[in-house]
């Protein structure tokens, strides 16, 4: 419920500031140090089980699908508990809880075991951590657990009228935090000062979407290739790029919910995948996947000059795409992994990892692709143009959160425990 040139490990950080480095030891947001589901980490674990390869595990107060974030010796994650309270928890990389804070109350379960109000992932810059909950609570804390600010976005921007809660994860970049709030009663993109929570700008996001299509559970992403830089939001039948100065629309692309066979329940959950020169846009319910060039202007829905390729079906419904080394990986909700050529969109293979529901987004790391099923079975696939399964690892705990890699270790947030996997 997440700019690859910006969110890298800092060797020097000032309060509420951010300085980049070439290291990738930290995992500051749900899609990792590069904001695209990849990392430069090496020597990562390939085989483990519920009893083998586990450095430590930390009991969770309740379930959540939010991906943890890691910075140096700190891990931050969210949870609901048995009382329905929504929590932000800090732990050490040694597996000890450091502190916890109640962010809100009134947790709501979503479609049985599919999720709850603790679904958006935290984000950090190495000095502070920001947390957003499905009921609209948004807060900032320092690493010692001291609150910097806290408010509910519904009090400022109106009641959140969305069927399964606002699960979108914020993006931080520079001195700002960005939110997309797309629901029946409003479609807003906002930029806040991350130090104070004060509004910098608010942009109304127009759309001709109808019914449940007005609800988006996807997260915004930052596109930055060193020349172009903008915020990408996804929902209400369109993917849209926004200028960072005032939020105005740079380009939009539809074609994700065809008017000729309009689906009133085509809500977006998967977020776009990004790499220099390419934005991979999923839809929902076996709909299309678009490979877009990043330099569009205006409405590019029917402008093929800004479209690298189109895949007419087989979109991932919940897991977000990952692009690595010239390849695009799509993990469908049934465990089928699709590999495509990033430049042409040519399908290279379509193979099942493990037969189960899939909610976690795949991560490309160390020449491998890590794909985790809802039952907690992680399949490690060799990266490349042919399918080669390296291992299948059963954790024995339900998992909706995406894999996290930091300092040679893998962290998996299960419903029962947070697991640290790797060499002891």
Protein backbone atom coordinates (compact mmCIF):
# COMPACT_ATOMS: atom_id res chain seq x y z
CA UNK A 1 0.00 0.00 0.00
CA UNK A 2 5.50 3.60 -3.15
CA UNK A 3 12.28 8.41 -7.21
CA UNK A 4 14.80 5.77 -7.73
CA UNK A 5 17.53 8.41 -8.01
CA UNK A 6 16.46 10.01 -4.76
CA UNK A 7 15.64 7.19 -2.34
CA UNK A 8 19.08 5.64 -1.92
CA UNK A 9 21.07 5.12 1.23
CA UNK A 10 22.36 8.32 2.79
CA UNK A 11 25.78 8.53 4.38
CA UNK A 12 25.00 12.00 5.72
CA UNK A 13 21.51 13.07 6.73
CA UNK A 14 20.39 16.36 8.24
CA UNK A 15 17.06 16.79 10.03
CA UNK A 16 14.23 16.48 7.53
CA UNK A 17 16.85 16.46 4.77
CA UNK A 18 18.08 13.79 2.43
CA UNK A 19 21.51 13.22 0.92
CA UNK A 20 22.11 10.47 -1.59
CA UNK A 21 24.83 7.86 -1.83
CA UNK A 22 25.59 4.99 -4.18
CA UNK A 23 24.88 2.40 -1.49
CA UNK A 24 21.59 0.56 -1.39
CA UNK A 25 21.71 -0.90 2.11
CA UNK A 26 18.45 0.67 3.24
CA UNK A 27 14.84 0.04 2.17
CA UNK A 28 13.15 3.41 2.78
CA UNK A 29 9.81 2.76 1.06
CA UNK A 30 7.68 -0.16 -0.04
CA UNK A 31 9.29 -0.48 -3.50
CA UNK A 32 12.80 -0.19 -2.15
CA UNK A 33 15.79 2.14 -2.47
CA UNK A 34 15.16 2.86 -6.16
CA UNK A 35 11.34 3.09 -5.87
CA UNK A 36 10.96 0.37 -8.51
CA UNK A 37 11.14 -3.04 -6.79
CA UNK A 38 14.87 -3.53 -7.40
CA UNK A 39 18.02 -3.32 -5.31
CA UNK A 40 21.77 -3.62 -5.87
CA UNK A 41 22.16 -5.85 -2.79
CA UNK A 42 24.27 -9.00 -3.32
CA UNK A 43 24.71 -12.38 -1.62
CA UNK A 44 21.07 -12.65 -0.66
CA UNK A 45 19.37 -15.75 0.78
CA UNK A 46 17.91 -18.21 -1.72
CA UNK A 47 16.71 -21.08 0.48
CA UNK A 48 14.91 -21.03 3.81
CA UNK A 49 11.93 -22.52 5.65
CA UNK A 50 9.93 -21.89 8.80
CA UNK A 51 12.79 -23.44 10.80
CA UNK A 52 15.89 -22.96 8.63
CA UNK A 53 17.64 -19.77 7.61
CA UNK A 54 15.67 -17.66 10.12
CA UNK A 55 17.93 -15.23 11.96
CA UNK A 56 15.08 -14.10 14.19
CA UNK A 57 11.34 -13.58 14.21
CA UNK A 58 9.30 -10.98 16.06
CA UNK A 59 5.70 -11.64 17.08
CA UNK A 60 3.19 -9.28 15.47
CA UNK A 61 0.23 -7.79 17.39
CA UNK A 62 -2.02 -8.59 14.44
CA UNK A 63 -2.14 -8.86 10.65
CA UNK A 64 -1.24 -6.27 8.02
CA UNK A 65 -0.20 -6.26 4.40
CA UNK A 66 2.02 -3.17 4.61
CA UNK A 67 5.65 -3.62 3.63
CA UNK A 68 8.18 -2.70 6.36
CA UNK A 69 10.90 -0.11 5.77
CA UNK A 70 14.49 -0.38 6.99
CA UNK A 71 17.10 2.28 7.69
CA UNK A 72 20.40 1.31 9.29
CA UNK A 73 19.49 -0.40 12.59
CA UNK A 74 15.77 0.51 12.47
CA UNK A 75 12.77 -1.32 11.02
CA UNK A 76 9.35 0.36 10.90
CA UNK A 77 6.07 -1.40 10.21
CA UNK A 78 2.35 -1.01 10.80
CA UNK A 79 -0.19 -3.32 12.33
CA UNK A 80 -3.69 -3.64 13.64
CA UNK A 81 -4.16 -5.34 17.00
CA UNK A 82 -6.92 -7.37 18.61
CA UNK A 83 -8.55 -4.19 19.97
CA UNK A 84 -8.82 -2.64 16.52
CA UNK A 85 -6.08 -0.10 17.18
CA UNK A 86 -3.77 0.94 14.33
CA UNK A 87 -0.11 0.94 15.30
CA UNK A 88 3.25 2.16 14.07
CA UNK A 89 6.01 -0.01 15.50
CA UNK A 90 9.79 0.45 15.49
CA UNK A 91 12.11 -2.51 15.92
CA UNK A 92 15.85 -3.00 15.74
CA UNK A 93 17.53 -5.12 13.07
CA UNK A 94 18.36 -7.47 15.95
CA UNK A 95 14.68 -8.29 16.30
CA UNK A 96 13.82 -6.26 19.41
CA UNK A 97 10.84 -3.92 19.56
CA UNK A 98 11.95 -0.36 20.33
CA UNK A 99 8.64 1.49 20.57
CA UNK A 100 5.07 1.54 19.33
CA UNK A 101 2.46 4.27 18.95
CA UNK A 102 -1.27 4.15 18.42
CA UNK A 103 -1.98 6.11 15.25
CA UNK A 104 -5.73 5.58 15.27
CA UNK A 105 -8.55 3.22 16.10
CA UNK A 106 -11.46 1.54 14.38
CA UNK A 107 -9.62 -0.94 12.20
CA UNK A 108 -11.80 -2.47 9.47
CA UNK A 109 -11.17 -5.90 7.98
CA UNK A 110 -11.37 -5.99 4.19
CA UNK A 111 -13.06 -8.88 2.37
CA UNK A 112 -12.36 -11.36 5.13
CA UNK A 113 -8.61 -11.86 5.31
CA UNK A 114 -7.66 -9.67 2.35
CA UNK A 115 -6.57 -6.62 4.31
CA UNK A 116 -7.30 -3.99 6.92
CA UNK A 117 -6.73 -0.33 7.73
CA UNK A 118 -3.00 -0.90 8.34
CA UNK A 119 -2.38 -1.58 4.65
CA UNK A 120 -0.39 1.50 3.49
CA UNK A 121 3.37 1.14 4.04
CA UNK A 122 5.49 3.59 6.04
CA UNK A 123 8.21 5.71 4.40
CA UNK A 124 11.43 7.09 5.90
CA UNK A 125 14.29 9.43 5.05
CA UNK A 126 16.69 8.23 7.75
CA UNK A 127 15.65 10.80 10.35
CA UNK A 128 11.86 10.56 10.40
CA UNK A 129 9.20 8.03 9.48
CA UNK A 130 5.77 8.85 8.00
CA UNK A 131 2.78 6.59 8.40
CA UNK A 132 -0.61 6.68 6.70
CA UNK A 133 -3.58 4.51 7.67
CA UNK A 134 -6.61 3.40 5.66
CA UNK A 135 -8.91 5.58 7.78
CA UNK A 136 -6.97 8.73 6.83
CA UNK A 137 -4.65 9.14 9.81
CA UNK A 138 -1.30 10.60 8.70
CA UNK A 139 1.59 11.12 11.12
CA UNK A 140 5.31 11.80 11.31
CA UNK A 141 7.69 10.53 14.03
CA UNK A 142 11.41 10.77 14.59
CA UNK A 143 13.48 7.63 15.11
CA UNK A 144 13.22 7.96 18.89
CA UNK A 145 9.44 7.75 18.64
CA UNK A 146 8.67 11.43 19.23
CA UNK A 147 5.68 12.72 17.26
CA UNK A 148 6.43 15.62 14.89
CA UNK A 149 2.89 16.08 13.57
CA UNK A 150 -0.36 14.15 13.09
CA UNK A 151 -3.71 14.83 11.44
CA UNK A 152 -6.47 12.99 9.59
CA UNK A 153 -6.65 13.81 5.89
CA UNK A 154 -10.44 13.42 6.01
CA UNK A 155 -10.62 16.47 8.31
CA UNK A 156 -8.73 18.54 5.75
CA UNK A 157 -9.84 17.05 2.42
CA UNK A 158 -13.22 15.48 3.15
CA UNK A 159 -14.52 12.08 4.16
CA UNK A 160 -12.87 9.18 2.36
CA UNK A 161 -15.66 7.41 0.48
CA UNK A 162 -13.88 4.27 -0.68
CA UNK A 163 -15.10 0.70 -0.31
CA UNK A 164 -12.03 -0.95 1.22
CA UNK A 165 -10.18 1.95 2.83
CA UNK A 166 -7.49 4.27 1.51
CA UNK A 167 -4.59 1.85 1.05
CA UNK A 168 -2.38 4.09 -1.08
CA UNK A 169 1.17 4.52 0.24
CA UNK A 170 2.62 8.06 0.23
CA UNK A 171 5.81 9.05 -1.59
CA UNK A 172 8.47 11.28 -0.06
CA UNK A 173 10.91 13.21 -2.21
CA UNK A 174 13.13 16.05 -1.09
CA UNK A 175 11.23 18.13 1.44
CA UNK A 176 7.78 16.89 0.40
CA UNK A 177 5.37 14.04 0.93
CA UNK A 178 2.86 13.26 -1.85
CA UNK A 179 -0.56 11.58 -1.53
CA UNK A 180 -3.18 10.46 -4.01
CA UNK A 181 -6.71 10.44 -2.59
CA UNK A 182 -8.97 8.94 -5.26
CA UNK A 183 -12.47 7.95 -4.18
CA UNK A 184 -16.16 8.58 -4.90
CA UNK A 185 -16.38 12.03 -3.32
CA UNK A 186 -13.05 13.46 -4.46
CA UNK A 187 -10.04 12.88 -6.70
CA UNK A 188 -7.12 14.80 -5.26
CA UNK A 189 -3.35 14.77 -5.46
CA UNK A 190 -1.64 16.74 -2.70
CA UNK A 191 1.89 17.77 -1.82
CA UNK A 192 2.68 18.44 1.83
CA UNK A 193 5.71 19.84 3.59
CA UNK A 194 7.10 16.71 5.20
CA UNK A 195 8.52 18.61 8.19
CA UNK A 196 5.20 20.20 9.20
CA UNK A 197 2.40 18.47 7.27
CA UNK A 198 1.31 21.82 5.81
CA UNK A 199 -0.16 21.82 2.31
CA UNK A 200 2.12 23.00 -0.51
CA UNK A 201 -0.36 22.37 -3.31
CA UNK A 202 -3.57 20.48 -4.06
CA UNK A 203 -4.57 19.33 -7.53
CA UNK A 204 -8.03 18.14 -8.58
CA UNK A 205 -7.62 15.08 -10.79
CA UNK A 206 -10.37 15.05 -13.41
CA UNK A 207 -11.80 11.85 -14.89
CA UNK A 208 -14.84 10.46 -16.64
CA UNK A 209 -14.65 7.25 -14.58
CA UNK A 210 -17.83 5.86 -13.04
CA UNK A 211 -18.98 3.78 -10.07
CA UNK A 212 -16.28 1.75 -8.26
CA UNK A 213 -13.72 2.78 -10.88
CA UNK A 214 -13.47 6.04 -8.93
CA UNK A 215 -11.78 4.07 -6.13
CA UNK A 216 -8.02 3.58 -6.42
CA UNK A 217 -5.97 1.42 -4.07
CA UNK A 218 -2.75 1.98 -6.02
CA UNK A 219 0.14 4.15 -4.84
CA UNK A 220 1.80 7.08 -6.61
CA UNK A 221 5.36 6.70 -7.86
CA UNK A 222 8.08 9.22 -8.72
CA UNK A 223 9.54 9.09 -12.21
CA UNK A 224 13.09 10.50 -12.41
CA UNK A 225 15.57 9.61 -15.14
CA UNK A 226 17.86 12.58 -14.55
CA UNK A 227 16.15 14.64 -17.26
CA UNK A 228 12.45 14.18 -16.61
CA UNK A 229 11.02 14.13 -13.11
CA UNK A 230 7.36 14.04 -12.13
CA UNK A 231 4.79 12.29 -9.96
CA UNK A 232 2.72 9.47 -11.48
CA UNK A 233 -0.74 8.71 -10.09
CA UNK A 234 -2.88 5.72 -11.05
CA UNK A 235 -6.64 5.33 -10.79
CA UNK A 236 -10.06 6.39 -12.10
CA UNK A 237 -9.36 4.73 -15.49
CA UNK A 238 -6.19 6.80 -16.12
CA UNK A 239 -2.50 7.00 -15.35
CA UNK A 240 -1.49 10.67 -15.04
CA UNK A 241 1.82 12.53 -14.71
CA UNK A 242 1.92 15.63 -12.50
CA UNK A 243 4.30 18.59 -12.44
CA UNK A 244 6.08 18.76 -9.09
CA UNK A 245 5.85 22.55 -8.77
CA UNK A 246 2.07 22.83 -8.62
CA UNK A 247 0.64 19.41 -9.50
CA UNK A 248 -0.78 20.36 -12.88
CA UNK A 249 -1.26 17.56 -15.38
CA UNK A 250 1.59 16.91 -17.83
CA UNK A 251 0.06 13.93 -19.59
CA UNK A 252 -2.54 11.24 -19.12
CA UNK A 253 -3.22 7.88 -20.70
CA UNK A 254 -6.45 5.90 -20.70
CA UNK A 255 -7.32 2.79 -22.65
CA UNK A 256 -7.33 0.77 -19.44
CA UNK A 257 -11.11 0.47 -19.20
CA UNK A 258 -12.55 0.45 -22.71
CA UNK A 259 -15.81 2.43 -23.17
CA UNK A 260 -17.10 -0.27 -25.54
CA UNK A 261 -17.15 -2.80 -22.68
CA UNK A 262 -16.92 -0.57 -19.62
CA UNK A 263 -16.42 -2.41 -16.32
CA UNK A 264 -17.93 -0.47 -13.40
CA UNK A 265 -15.80 -2.40 -10.88
CA UNK A 266 -12.38 -1.96 -12.51
CA UNK A 267 -10.58 -0.40 -9.55
CA UNK A 268 -6.78 -0.23 -9.71
CA UNK A 269 -4.68 -1.84 -6.98
CA UNK A 270 -1.33 -2.52 -8.66
CA UNK A 271 0.90 0.55 -9.06
CA UNK A 272 2.94 1.41 -12.16
CA UNK A 273 6.44 0.01 -12.55
CA UNK A 274 9.20 2.42 -13.51
CA UNK A 275 12.65 2.33 -15.08
CA UNK A 276 14.57 4.95 -17.07
CA UNK A 277 12.74 5.34 -20.37
CA UNK A 278 9.73 3.16 -19.50
CA UNK A 279 6.60 3.21 -17.33
CA UNK A 280 4.68 -0.07 -17.15
CA UNK A 281 1.02 0.55 -16.34
CA UNK A 282 -1.18 -2.30 -15.05
CA UNK A 283 -4.97 -2.28 -14.93
CA UNK A 284 -7.17 -4.91 -13.25
CA UNK A 285 -9.24 -8.06 -13.79
CA UNK A 286 -7.22 -9.52 -16.68
CA UNK A 287 -7.19 -6.17 -18.46
CA UNK A 288 -4.40 -4.57 -20.49
CA UNK A 289 -0.85 -3.58 -19.56
CA UNK A 290 0.72 -0.53 -21.20
CA UNK A 291 4.39 0.19 -21.78
CA UNK A 292 4.64 3.99 -21.98
CA UNK A 293 7.48 6.27 -22.96
CA UNK A 294 8.01 8.92 -20.28
CA UNK A 295 8.07 12.05 -22.47
CA UNK A 296 4.34 12.29 -23.23
CA UNK A 297 2.35 15.51 -23.45
CA UNK A 298 -1.41 15.96 -23.14
CA UNK A 299 -3.79 13.03 -23.60
CA UNK A 300 -1.69 10.22 -25.09
CA UNK A 301 -4.42 7.55 -24.96
CA UNK A 302 -4.52 7.25 -28.76
CA UNK A 303 -1.05 8.60 -29.47
CA UNK A 304 1.08 5.57 -30.32
CA UNK A 305 4.26 7.66 -30.54
CA UNK A 306 4.34 7.70 -26.74
CA UNK A 307 3.50 4.00 -26.35
CA UNK A 308 6.33 1.49 -26.48
CA UNK A 309 3.95 -1.47 -26.52
CA UNK A 310 0.55 -2.70 -25.35
CA UNK A 311 -0.33 -6.07 -23.86
CA UNK A 312 -4.11 -6.50 -24.32
CA UNK A 313 -4.63 -8.75 -21.29
CA UNK A 314 -2.97 -10.64 -18.40
CA UNK A 315 -2.44 -7.63 -16.13
CA UNK A 316 -1.41 -8.32 -12.55
CA UNK A 317 -4.41 -7.40 -10.40
CA UNK A 318 -2.62 -6.62 -7.12
CA UNK A 319 1.18 -7.17 -7.39
CA UNK A 320 2.95 -4.27 -9.09
CA UNK A 321 5.26 -4.82 -12.09
CA UNK A 322 9.03 -4.81 -11.77
CA UNK A 323 11.51 -3.84 -14.51
CA UNK A 324 15.11 -5.04 -14.31
CA UNK A 325 17.95 -5.47 -16.82
CA UNK A 326 15.75 -4.89 -19.85
CA UNK A 327 13.00 -7.26 -18.71
CA UNK A 328 9.50 -6.69 -17.31
CA UNK A 329 8.09 -9.15 -14.77
CA UNK A 330 4.35 -9.37 -14.12
CA UNK A 331 3.11 -11.55 -11.27
CA UNK A 332 -0.54 -12.38 -11.71
CA UNK A 333 -2.81 -13.00 -8.73
CA UNK A 334 -2.78 -16.77 -9.42
CA UNK A 335 1.01 -17.10 -9.22
CA UNK A 336 1.74 -17.02 -12.96
CA UNK A 337 4.91 -15.06 -13.63
CA UNK A 338 5.12 -13.37 -17.04
CA UNK A 339 8.46 -12.17 -18.39
CA UNK A 340 8.55 -9.67 -21.27
CA UNK A 341 11.16 -7.76 -23.23
CA UNK A 342 11.01 -4.22 -21.84
CA UNK A 343 11.72 -2.56 -25.19
CA UNK A 344 9.29 -4.49 -27.40
CA UNK A 345 6.78 -6.04 -25.01
CA UNK A 346 7.47 -9.48 -26.48
CA UNK A 347 6.46 -12.28 -24.12
CA UNK A 348 9.42 -14.48 -23.25
CA UNK A 349 7.68 -16.88 -20.91
CA UNK A 350 4.57 -17.40 -18.79
CA UNK A 351 5.09 -19.89 -15.96
CA UNK A 352 3.41 -20.60 -12.64
CA UNK A 353 5.49 -20.13 -9.49
CA UNK A 354 3.21 -21.69 -6.86
CA UNK A 355 -0.54 -22.25 -7.00
CA UNK A 356 -2.02 -19.70 -4.58
CA UNK A 357 -3.30 -16.14 -4.28
CA UNK A 358 -0.61 -13.47 -4.72
CA UNK A 359 -0.78 -10.05 -3.11
CA UNK A 360 2.90 -9.15 -2.56
CA UNK A 361 4.76 -7.39 -5.37
CA UNK A 362 7.81 -9.15 -6.86
CA UNK A 363 11.31 -7.83 -6.23
CA UNK A 364 14.32 -8.20 -8.53
CA UNK A 365 17.54 -8.61 -6.58
CA UNK A 366 20.97 -10.17 -7.04
CA UNK A 367 20.15 -11.73 -10.42
CA UNK A 368 16.93 -13.23 -9.10
CA UNK A 369 13.23 -12.45 -8.86
CA UNK A 370 11.53 -13.04 -5.49
CA UNK A 371 7.81 -13.80 -5.61
CA UNK A 372 5.85 -14.46 -2.39
CA UNK A 373 2.42 -16.08 -2.22
CA UNK A 374 -0.38 -15.36 0.22
CA UNK A 375 0.36 -18.61 2.10
CA UNK A 376 3.93 -17.45 2.63
CA UNK A 377 5.54 -19.61 -0.05
CA UNK A 378 8.38 -17.64 -1.65
CA UNK A 379 9.57 -18.71 -5.09
CA UNK A 380 13.03 -17.55 -6.14
CA UNK A 381 13.40 -17.44 -9.93
CA UNK A 382 16.62 -16.84 -11.84
CA UNK A 383 16.41 -13.49 -13.62
CA UNK A 384 16.60 -13.79 -17.39
CA UNK A 385 14.76 -14.58 -20.58
CA UNK A 386 14.01 -18.20 -19.64
CA UNK A 387 12.18 -19.49 -16.58
CA UNK A 388 14.35 -21.28 -14.02
CA UNK A 389 13.04 -21.88 -10.51
CA UNK A 390 15.89 -21.83 -8.00
CA UNK A 391 13.93 -22.58 -4.83
CA UNK A 392 10.51 -22.75 -3.24
CA UNK A 393 10.45 -21.73 0.42
CA UNK A 394 7.46 -22.28 2.71
CA UNK A 395 7.43 -19.88 5.65
CA UNK A 396 4.19 -21.27 7.08
CA UNK A 397 2.74 -17.79 7.72
CA UNK A 398 0.35 -15.71 5.63
CA UNK A 399 2.10 -12.90 3.72
CA UNK A 400 0.67 -9.94 1.81
CA UNK A 401 3.64 -7.58 2.27
CA UNK A 402 6.35 -7.38 -0.36
CA UNK A 403 9.91 -8.67 0.24
CA UNK A 404 12.45 -6.27 1.78
CA UNK A 405 16.24 -6.53 1.40
CA UNK A 406 18.77 -4.68 3.54
CA UNK A 407 22.41 -5.41 4.39
CA UNK A 408 22.31 -8.92 2.94
CA UNK A 409 19.16 -9.96 4.75
CA UNK A 410 15.59 -10.57 3.64
CA UNK A 411 12.71 -9.30 5.78
CA UNK A 412 9.21 -10.72 5.35
CA UNK A 413 6.23 -9.34 7.25
CA UNK A 414 3.90 -12.24 7.94
CA UNK A 415 0.53 -11.99 9.65
CA UNK A 416 1.95 -13.73 12.72
CA UNK A 417 5.61 -12.68 12.74
CA UNK A 418 8.18 -10.39 11.16
CA UNK A 419 10.99 -12.62 9.85
CA UNK A 420 14.65 -11.82 9.32
CA UNK A 421 16.15 -14.33 6.87
CA UNK A 422 19.83 -14.75 6.02
CA UNK A 423 23.18 -15.59 7.51
CA UNK A 424 23.39 -15.35 11.28
